[in-house]
Amino acid sequence: MRVTLKPTSGTATANLERAKHEIDRVLGFRGSVDGTKAVGEKIVVNFNMNPKWDLPKEQKVDSLKEWIPAKVRSSFKVVSVSAEEELK
């Protein structure tokens, strides 16, 4: 999966590490960050869902689409949460 963020201050490149830690914090047991990259003014964070999370995949995706925007701190604005992984 991937989440696209826009930093509220600074550049995307300067905030890559902060974005990685923020999504890692928000995911908790639900998944782990696979990688980050700056795309223009936005940051794309790829992550994997925890296979031991005991829910069907569709419910995991729906849950994360609600959970991530609600829990990300004000340092970032969540642009989108998608089940597809960003092309590398």
PDB file of N, CA and C in Angstrom:
ATOM      1  N   MET A   1       0.853  -1.171   0.000  1.00  0.00           N
ATOM      2  CA  MET A   1       0.000   0.000   0.000  1.00  0.00           C
ATOM      3  C   MET A   1       0.895   1.229   0.000  1.00  0.00           C
ATOM      4  N   ARG A   2       0.275   2.361  -0.220  1.00  0.00           N
ATOM      5  CA  ARG A   2       1.031   3.610  -0.177  1.00  0.00           C
ATOM      6  C   ARG A   2       0.163   4.726   0.385  1.00  0.00           C
ATOM      7  N   VAL A   3       0.851   5.686   0.984  1.00  0.00           N
ATOM      8  CA  VAL A   3       0.200   6.895   1.449  1.00  0.00           C
ATOM      9  C   VAL A   3       0.993   8.070   0.877  1.00  0.00           C
ATOM     10  N   THR A   4       0.271   9.056   0.381  1.00  0.00           N
ATOM     11  CA  THR A   4       0.903  10.253  -0.164  1.00  0.00           C
ATOM     12  C   THR A   4       0.664  11.392   0.810  1.00  0.00           C
ATOM     13  N   LEU A   5       1.751  12.035   1.197  1.00  0.00           N
ATOM     14  CA  LEU A   5       1.707  13.124   2.178  1.00  0.00           C
ATOM     15  C   LEU A   5       2.236  14.406   1.569  1.00  0.00           C
ATOM     16  N   LYS A   6       1.804  15.516   2.125  1.00  0.00           N
ATOM     17  CA  LYS A   6       2.360  16.811   1.758  1.00  0.00           C
ATOM     18  C   LYS A   6       2.808  17.472   3.056  1.00  0.00           C
ATOM     19  N   PRO A   7       4.097  17.814   3.179  1.00  0.00           N
ATOM     20  CA  PRO A   7       4.553  18.465   4.411  1.00  0.00           C
ATOM     21  C   PRO A   7       3.942  19.855   4.547  1.00  0.00           C
ATOM     22  N   THR A   8       3.607  20.235   5.789  1.00  0.00           N
ATOM     23  CA  THR A   8       3.032  21.557   6.012  1.00  0.00           C
ATOM     24  C   THR A   8       4.103  22.646   6.040  1.00  0.00           C
ATOM     25  N   SER A   9       5.369  22.236   6.250  1.00  0.00           N
ATOM     26  CA  SER A   9       6.475  23.193   6.164  1.00  0.00           C
ATOM     27  C   SER A   9       7.715  22.474   5.667  1.00  0.00           C
ATOM     28  N   GLY A  10       8.559  23.196   4.962  1.00  0.00           N
ATOM     29  CA  GLY A  10       9.766  22.600   4.408  1.00  0.00           C
ATOM     30  C   GLY A  10       9.488  21.868   3.111  1.00  0.00           C
ATOM     31  N   THR A  11      10.543  21.303   2.562  1.00  0.00           N
ATOM     32  CA  THR A  11      10.430  20.590   1.292  1.00  0.00           C
ATOM     33  C   THR A  11      10.156  19.113   1.522  1.00  0.00           C
ATOM     34  N   ALA A  12       9.689  18.460   0.484  1.00  0.00           N
ATOM     35  CA  ALA A  12       9.431  17.021   0.568  1.00  0.00           C
ATOM     36  C   ALA A  12      10.731  16.273   0.839  1.00  0.00           C
ATOM     37  N   THR A  13      11.792  16.649   0.148  1.00  0.00           N
ATOM     38  CA  THR A  13      13.073  15.971   0.319  1.00  0.00           C
ATOM     39  C   THR A  13      13.583  16.102   1.752  1.00  0.00           C
ATOM     40  N   ALA A  14      13.432  17.275   2.335  1.00  0.00           N
ATOM     41  CA  ALA A  14      13.903  17.503   3.702  1.00  0.00           C
ATOM     42  C   ALA A  14      13.071  16.750   4.733  1.00  0.00           C
ATOM     43  N   ASN A  15      11.861  16.362   4.389  1.00  0.00           N
ATOM     44  CA  ASN A  15      10.960  15.705   5.332  1.00  0.00           C
ATOM     45  C   ASN A  15      10.799  14.203   5.115  1.00  0.00           C
ATOM     46  N   LEU A  16      11.619  13.603   4.261  1.00  0.00           N
ATOM     47  CA  LEU A  16      11.482  12.175   3.960  1.00  0.00           C
ATOM     48  C   LEU A  16      11.603  11.309   5.218  1.00  0.00           C
ATOM     49  N   GLU A  17      12.622  11.548   6.014  1.00  0.00           N
ATOM     50  CA  GLU A  17      12.846  10.721   7.200  1.00  0.00           C
ATOM     51  C   GLU A  17      11.732  10.934   8.229  1.00  0.00           C
ATOM     52  N   ARG A  18      11.296  12.176   8.398  1.00  0.00           N
ATOM     53  CA  ARG A  18      10.183  12.460   9.321  1.00  0.00           C
ATOM     54  C   ARG A  18       8.908  11.767   8.871  1.00  0.00           C
ATOM     55  N   ALA A  19       8.658  11.754   7.560  1.00  0.00           N
ATOM     56  CA  ALA A  19       7.459  11.096   7.030  1.00  0.00           C
ATOM     57  C   ALA A  19       7.517   9.593   7.287  1.00  0.00           C
ATOM     58  N   LYS A  20       8.681   9.005   7.098  1.00  0.00           N
ATOM     59  CA  LYS A  20       8.849   7.570   7.340  1.00  0.00           C
ATOM     60  C   LYS A  20       8.529   7.245   8.798  1.00  0.00           C
ATOM     61  N   HIS A  21       9.094   8.015   9.718  1.00  0.00           N
ATOM     62  CA  HIS A  21       8.854   7.772  11.146  1.00  0.00           C
ATOM     63  C   HIS A  21       7.393   8.024  11.526  1.00  0.00           C
ATOM     64  N   GLU A  22       6.787   9.024  10.916  1.00  0.00           N
ATOM     65  CA  GLU A  22       5.389   9.335  11.233  1.00  0.00           C
ATOM     66  C   GLU A  22       4.460   8.199  10.799  1.00  0.00           C
ATOM     67  N   ILE A  23       4.636   7.701   9.587  1.00  0.00           N
ATOM     68  CA  ILE A  23       3.781   6.607   9.106  1.00  0.00           C
ATOM     69  C   ILE A  23       4.074   5.334   9.896  1.00  0.00           C
ATOM     70  N   ASP A  24       5.321   5.099  10.238  1.00  0.00           N
ATOM     71  CA  ASP A  24       5.673   3.946  11.068  1.00  0.00           C
ATOM     72  C   ASP A  24       4.957   4.028  12.419  1.00  0.00           C
ATOM     73  N   ARG A  25       4.932   5.218  12.999  1.00  0.00           N
ATOM     74  CA  ARG A  25       4.248   5.436  14.276  1.00  0.00           C
ATOM     75  C   ARG A  25       2.750   5.184  14.140  1.00  0.00           C
ATOM     76  N   VAL A  26       2.155   5.714  13.094  1.00  0.00           N
ATOM     77  CA  VAL A  26       0.711   5.588  12.885  1.00  0.00           C
ATOM     78  C   VAL A  26       0.313   4.133  12.619  1.00  0.00           C
ATOM     79  N   LEU A  27       1.118   3.429  11.844  1.00  0.00           N
ATOM     80  CA  LEU A  27       0.779   2.045  11.516  1.00  0.00           C
ATOM     81  C   LEU A  27       0.837   1.120  12.732  1.00  0.00           C
ATOM     82  N   GLY A  28       1.830   1.309  13.583  1.00  0.00           N
ATOM     83  CA  GLY A  28       1.983   0.421  14.730  1.00  0.00           C
ATOM     84  C   GLY A  28       2.092  -1.025  14.276  1.00  0.00           C
ATOM     85  N   PHE A  29       1.269  -1.906  14.861  1.00  0.00           N
ATOM     86  CA  PHE A  29       1.299  -3.334  14.513  1.00  0.00           C
ATOM     87  C   PHE A  29       0.670  -3.622  13.149  1.00  0.00           C
ATOM     88  N   ARG A  30      -0.010  -2.639  12.549  1.00  0.00           N
ATOM     89  CA  ARG A  30      -0.767  -2.861  11.324  1.00  0.00           C
ATOM     90  C   ARG A  30       0.093  -3.029  10.086  1.00  0.00           C
ATOM     91  N   GLY A  31       1.355  -2.589  10.156  1.00  0.00           N
ATOM     92  CA  GLY A  31       2.226  -2.696   8.994  1.00  0.00           C
ATOM     93  C   GLY A  31       3.585  -2.101   9.246  1.00  0.00           C
ATOM     94  N   SER A  32       4.407  -2.096   8.204  1.00  0.00           N
ATOM     95  CA  SER A  32       5.748  -1.533   8.313  1.00  0.00           C
ATOM     96  C   SER A  32       6.107  -0.792   7.022  1.00  0.00           C
ATOM     97  N   VAL A  33       6.855   0.288   7.185  1.00  0.00           N
ATOM     98  CA  VAL A  33       7.252   1.116   6.051  1.00  0.00           C
ATOM     99  C   VAL A  33       8.290   0.379   5.217  1.00  0.00           C
ATOM    100  N   ASP A  34       8.071   0.394   3.911  1.00  0.00           N
ATOM    101  CA  ASP A  34       8.951  -0.278   2.968  1.00  0.00           C
ATOM    102  C   ASP A  34       9.906   0.711   2.308  1.00  0.00           C
ATOM    103  N   GLY A  35       9.486   1.968   2.133  1.00  0.00           N
ATOM    104  CA  GLY A  35      10.338   2.971   1.498  1.00  0.00           C
ATOM    105  C   GLY A  35       9.615   4.291   1.339  1.00  0.00           C
ATOM    106  N   THR A  36      10.395   5.345   1.132  1.00  0.00           N
ATOM    107  CA  THR A  36       9.843   6.681   0.913  1.00  0.00           C
ATOM    108  C   THR A  36      10.560   7.324  -0.271  1.00  0.00           C
ATOM    109  N   LYS A  37       9.841   8.218  -0.937  1.00  0.00           N
ATOM    110  CA  LYS A  37      10.490   9.011  -1.984  1.00  0.00           C
ATOM    111  C   LYS A  37       9.725  10.308  -2.173  1.00  0.00           C
ATOM    112  N   ALA A  38      10.481  11.340  -2.550  1.00  0.00           N
ATOM    113  CA  ALA A  38       9.897  12.646  -2.819  1.00  0.00           C
ATOM    114  C   ALA A  38       9.467  12.691  -4.279  1.00  0.00           C
ATOM    115  N   VAL A  39       8.250  13.175  -4.511  1.00  0.00           N
ATOM    116  CA  VAL A  39       7.719  13.349  -5.861  1.00  0.00           C
ATOM    117  C   VAL A  39       7.170  14.771  -5.915  1.00  0.00           C
ATOM    118  N   GLY A  40       7.984  15.681  -6.419  1.00  0.00           N
ATOM    119  CA  GLY A  40       7.590  17.087  -6.435  1.00  0.00           C
ATOM    120  C   GLY A  40       7.475  17.610  -5.014  1.00  0.00           C
ATOM    121  N   GLU A  41       6.320  18.159  -4.668  1.00  0.00           N
ATOM    122  CA  GLU A  41       6.079  18.693  -3.325  1.00  0.00           C
ATOM    123  C   GLU A  41       5.516  17.641  -2.375  1.00  0.00           C
ATOM    124  N   LYS A  42       5.341  16.427  -2.856  1.00  0.00           N
ATOM    125  CA  LYS A  42       4.705  15.378  -2.056  1.00  0.00           C
ATOM    126  C   LYS A  42       5.696  14.274  -1.711  1.00  0.00           C
ATOM    127  N   ILE A  43       5.326  13.493  -0.709  1.00  0.00           N
ATOM    128  CA  ILE A  43       6.115  12.347  -0.270  1.00  0.00           C
ATOM    129  C   ILE A  43       5.253  11.108  -0.413  1.00  0.00           C
ATOM    130  N   VAL A  44       5.780  10.088  -1.076  1.00  0.00           N
ATOM    131  CA  VAL A  44       5.086   8.816  -1.217  1.00  0.00           C
ATOM    132  C   VAL A  44       5.762   7.819  -0.287  1.00  0.00           C
ATOM    133  N   VAL A  45       4.960   7.229   0.606  1.00  0.00           N
ATOM    134  CA  VAL A  45       5.470   6.238   1.551  1.00  0.00           C
ATOM    135  C   VAL A  45       4.832   4.896   1.210  1.00  0.00           C
ATOM    136  N   ASN A  46       5.651   3.942   0.818  1.00  0.00           N
ATOM    137  CA  ASN A  46       5.172   2.577   0.554  1.00  0.00           C
ATOM    138  C   ASN A  46       5.246   1.792   1.855  1.00  0.00           C
ATOM    139  N   PHE A  47       4.237   0.973   2.108  1.00  0.00           N
ATOM    140  CA  PHE A  47       4.274   0.146   3.308  1.00  0.00           C
ATOM    141  C   PHE A  47       3.574  -1.176   3.046  1.00  0.00           C
ATOM    142  N   ASN A  48       3.924  -2.146   3.862  1.00  0.00           N
ATOM    143  CA  ASN A  48       3.333  -3.476   3.781  1.00  0.00           C
ATOM    144  C   ASN A  48       2.420  -3.678   4.978  1.00  0.00           C
ATOM    145  N   MET A  49       1.271  -4.298   4.734  1.00  0.00           N
ATOM    146  CA  MET A  49       0.375  -4.635   5.841  1.00  0.00           C
ATOM    147  C   MET A  49       0.912  -5.862   6.561  1.00  0.00           C
ATOM    148  N   ASN A  50       0.691  -5.915   7.849  1.00  0.00           N
ATOM    149  CA  ASN A  50       1.112  -7.050   8.657  1.00  0.00           C
ATOM    150  C   ASN A  50       0.253  -8.264   8.304  1.00  0.00           C
ATOM    151  N   PRO A  51       0.855  -9.359   7.809  1.00  0.00           N
ATOM    152  CA  PRO A  51       0.068 -10.539   7.453  1.00  0.00           C
ATOM    153  C   PRO A  51      -0.562 -11.215   8.679  1.00  0.00           C
ATOM    154  N   LYS A  52      -0.051 -10.924   9.866  1.00  0.00           N
ATOM    155  CA  LYS A  52      -0.595 -11.523  11.090  1.00  0.00           C
ATOM    156  C   LYS A  52      -1.777 -10.729  11.643  1.00  0.00           C
ATOM    157  N   TRP A  53      -2.053  -9.577  11.043  1.00  0.00           N
ATOM    158  CA  TRP A  53      -3.209  -8.776  11.446  1.00  0.00           C
ATOM    159  C   TRP A  53      -4.443  -9.565  11.031  1.00  0.00           C
ATOM    160  N   ASP A  54      -5.240  -9.956  11.996  1.00  0.00           N
ATOM    161  CA  ASP A  54      -6.308 -10.931  11.777  1.00  0.00           C
ATOM    162  C   ASP A  54      -7.597 -10.288  11.251  1.00  0.00           C
ATOM    163  N   LEU A  55      -7.535  -9.821  10.005  1.00  0.00           N
ATOM    164  CA  LEU A  55      -8.707  -9.289   9.294  1.00  0.00           C
ATOM    165  C   LEU A  55      -8.569  -9.652   7.821  1.00  0.00           C
ATOM    166  N   PRO A  56      -9.683  -9.774   7.111  1.00  0.00           N
ATOM    167  CA  PRO A  56      -9.586  -9.947   5.657  1.00  0.00           C
ATOM    168  C   PRO A  56      -8.933  -8.711   5.023  1.00  0.00           C
ATOM    169  N   LYS A  57      -8.257  -8.901   3.904  1.00  0.00           N
ATOM    170  CA  LYS A  57      -7.511  -7.811   3.263  1.00  0.00           C
ATOM    171  C   LYS A  57      -8.388  -6.589   3.000  1.00  0.00           C
ATOM    172  N   GLU A  58      -9.599  -6.781   2.506  1.00  0.00           N
ATOM    173  CA  GLU A  58     -10.480  -5.640   2.202  1.00  0.00           C
ATOM    174  C   GLU A  58     -10.764  -4.818   3.449  1.00  0.00           C
ATOM    175  N   GLN A  59     -10.962  -5.471   4.584  1.00  0.00           N
ATOM    176  CA  GLN A  59     -11.214  -4.758   5.834  1.00  0.00           C
ATOM    177  C   GLN A  59      -9.961  -4.033   6.316  1.00  0.00           C
ATOM    178  N   LYS A  60      -8.791  -4.641   6.105  1.00  0.00           N
ATOM    179  CA  LYS A  60      -7.531  -3.977   6.463  1.00  0.00           C
ATOM    180  C   LYS A  60      -7.379  -2.678   5.674  1.00  0.00           C
ATOM    181  N   VAL A  61      -7.624  -2.761   4.359  1.00  0.00           N
ATOM    182  CA  VAL A  61      -7.483  -1.589   3.491  1.00  0.00           C
ATOM    183  C   VAL A  61      -8.458  -0.494   3.922  1.00  0.00           C
ATOM    184  N   ASP A  62      -9.723  -0.845   4.138  1.00  0.00           N
ATOM    185  CA  ASP A  62     -10.728   0.141   4.564  1.00  0.00           C
ATOM    186  C   ASP A  62     -10.345   0.775   5.898  1.00  0.00           C
ATOM    187  N   SER A  63      -9.874  -0.058   6.824  1.00  0.00           N
ATOM    188  CA  SER A  63      -9.475   0.434   8.140  1.00  0.00           C
ATOM    189  C   SER A  63      -8.317   1.421   8.027  1.00  0.00           C
ATOM    190  N   LEU A  64      -7.306   1.078   7.225  1.00  0.00           N
ATOM    191  CA  LEU A  64      -6.146   1.951   7.070  1.00  0.00           C
ATOM    192  C   LEU A  64      -6.501   3.256   6.361  1.00  0.00           C
ATOM    193  N   LYS A  65      -7.442   3.204   5.417  1.00  0.00           N
ATOM    194  CA  LYS A  65      -7.861   4.431   4.724  1.00  0.00           C
ATOM    195  C   LYS A  65      -8.529   5.418   5.684  1.00  0.00           C
ATOM    196  N   GLU A  66      -9.133   4.923   6.744  1.00  0.00           N
ATOM    197  CA  GLU A  66      -9.727   5.797   7.757  1.00  0.00           C
ATOM    198  C   GLU A  66      -8.711   6.148   8.841  1.00  0.00           C
ATOM    199  N   TRP A  67      -7.929   5.169   9.250  1.00  0.00           N
ATOM    200  CA  TRP A  67      -7.014   5.314  10.384  1.00  0.00           C
ATOM    201  C   TRP A  67      -5.881   6.303  10.103  1.00  0.00           C
ATOM    202  N   ILE A  68      -5.223   6.161   8.959  1.00  0.00           N
ATOM    203  CA  ILE A  68      -4.034   6.967   8.677  1.00  0.00           C
ATOM    204  C   ILE A  68      -4.342   8.467   8.655  1.00  0.00           C
ATOM    205  N   PRO A  69      -5.335   8.943   7.886  1.00  0.00           N
ATOM    206  CA  PRO A  69      -5.600  10.393   7.904  1.00  0.00           C
ATOM    207  C   PRO A  69      -6.008  10.912   9.288  1.00  0.00           C
ATOM    208  N   ALA A  70      -6.667  10.084  10.076  1.00  0.00           N
ATOM    209  CA  ALA A  70      -7.106  10.517  11.400  1.00  0.00           C
ATOM    210  C   ALA A  70      -5.955  10.626  12.395  1.00  0.00           C
ATOM    211  N   LYS A  71      -4.893   9.848  12.208  1.00  0.00           N
ATOM    212  CA  LYS A  71      -3.821   9.784  13.196  1.00  0.00           C
ATOM    213  C   LYS A  71      -2.541  10.525  12.826  1.00  0.00           C
ATOM    214  N   VAL A  72      -2.371  10.921  11.560  1.00  0.00           N
ATOM    215  CA  VAL A  72      -1.166  11.646  11.157  1.00  0.00           C
ATOM    216  C   VAL A  72      -1.187  13.026  11.798  1.00  0.00           C
ATOM    217  N   ARG A  73      -0.065  13.392  12.384  1.00  0.00           N
ATOM    218  CA  ARG A  73       0.050  14.694  13.061  1.00  0.00           C
ATOM    219  C   ARG A  73       0.037  15.836  12.054  1.00  0.00           C
ATOM    220  N   SER A  74      -0.111  17.043  12.552  1.00  0.00           N
ATOM    221  CA  SER A  74      -0.290  18.210  11.694  1.00  0.00           C
ATOM    222  C   SER A  74       0.955  18.609  10.902  1.00  0.00           C
ATOM    223  N   SER A  75       2.066  17.912  11.068  1.00  0.00           N
ATOM    224  CA  SER A  75       3.264  18.192  10.265  1.00  0.00           C
ATOM    225  C   SER A  75       3.071  17.812   8.802  1.00  0.00           C
ATOM    226  N   PHE A  76       2.081  16.952   8.563  1.00  0.00           N
ATOM    227  CA  PHE A  76       1.802  16.471   7.212  1.00  0.00           C
ATOM    228  C   PHE A  76       0.304  16.500   6.944  1.00  0.00           C
ATOM    229  N   LYS A  77      -0.035  16.696   5.677  1.00  0.00           N
ATOM    230  CA  LYS A  77      -1.419  16.564   5.231  1.00  0.00           C
ATOM    231  C   LYS A  77      -1.477  15.297   4.392  1.00  0.00           C
ATOM    232  N   VAL A  78      -2.417  14.410   4.702  1.00  0.00           N
ATOM    233  CA  VAL A  78      -2.567  13.181   3.934  1.00  0.00           C
ATOM    234  C   VAL A  78      -3.320  13.506   2.649  1.00  0.00           C
ATOM    235  N   VAL A  79      -2.678  13.271   1.508  1.00  0.00           N
ATOM    236  CA  VAL A  79      -3.282  13.524   0.209  1.00  0.00           C
ATOM    237  C   VAL A  79      -4.104  12.319  -0.216  1.00  0.00           C
ATOM    238  N   SER A  80      -3.541  11.110  -0.032  1.00  0.00           N
ATOM    239  CA  SER A  80      -4.273   9.903  -0.403  1.00  0.00           C
ATOM    240  C   SER A  80      -3.685   8.678   0.285  1.00  0.00           C
ATOM    241  N   VAL A  81      -4.536   7.662   0.418  1.00  0.00           N
ATOM    242  CA  VAL A  81      -4.123   6.341   0.888  1.00  0.00           C
ATOM    243  C   VAL A  81      -4.631   5.364  -0.158  1.00  0.00           C
ATOM    244  N   SER A  82      -3.727   4.558  -0.694  1.00  0.00           N
ATOM    245  CA  SER A  82      -4.086   3.692  -1.810  1.00  0.00           C
ATOM    246  C   SER A  82      -3.600   2.271  -1.571  1.00  0.00           C
ATOM    247  N   ALA A  83      -4.359   1.310  -2.080  1.00  0.00           N
ATOM    248  CA  ALA A  83      -3.987  -0.096  -1.962  1.00  0.00           C
ATOM    249  C   ALA A  83      -2.892  -0.467  -2.958  1.00  0.00           C
ATOM    250  N   GLU A  84      -2.697   0.332  -3.999  1.00  0.00           N
ATOM    251  CA  GLU A  84      -1.652   0.027  -4.964  1.00  0.00           C
ATOM    252  C   GLU A  84      -0.323   0.545  -4.444  1.00  0.00           C
ATOM    253  N   GLU A  85       0.737  -0.133  -4.843  1.00  0.00           N
ATOM    254  CA  GLU A  85       2.068   0.315  -4.469  1.00  0.00           C
ATOM    255  C   GLU A  85       2.604   1.238  -5.559  1.00  0.00           C
ATOM    256  N   GLU A  86       3.305   2.269  -5.151  1.00  0.00           N
ATOM    257  CA  GLU A  86       3.921   3.213  -6.082  1.00  0.00           C
ATOM    258  C   GLU A  86       4.958   2.483  -6.922  1.00  0.00           C
ATOM    259  N   LEU A  87       5.019   2.794  -8.200  1.00  0.00           N
ATOM    260  CA  LEU A  87       6.059   2.212  -9.059  1.00  0.00           C
ATOM    261  C   LEU A  87       7.413   2.703  -8.607  1.00  0.00           C
ATOM    262  N   LYS A  88       8.376   1.809  -8.551  1.00  0.00           N
ATOM    263  CA  LYS A  88       9.708   2.188  -8.055  1.00  0.00           C
ATOM    264  C   LYS A  88      10.657   2.471  -9.184  1.00  0.00           C
TER     265      LYS A  88
END
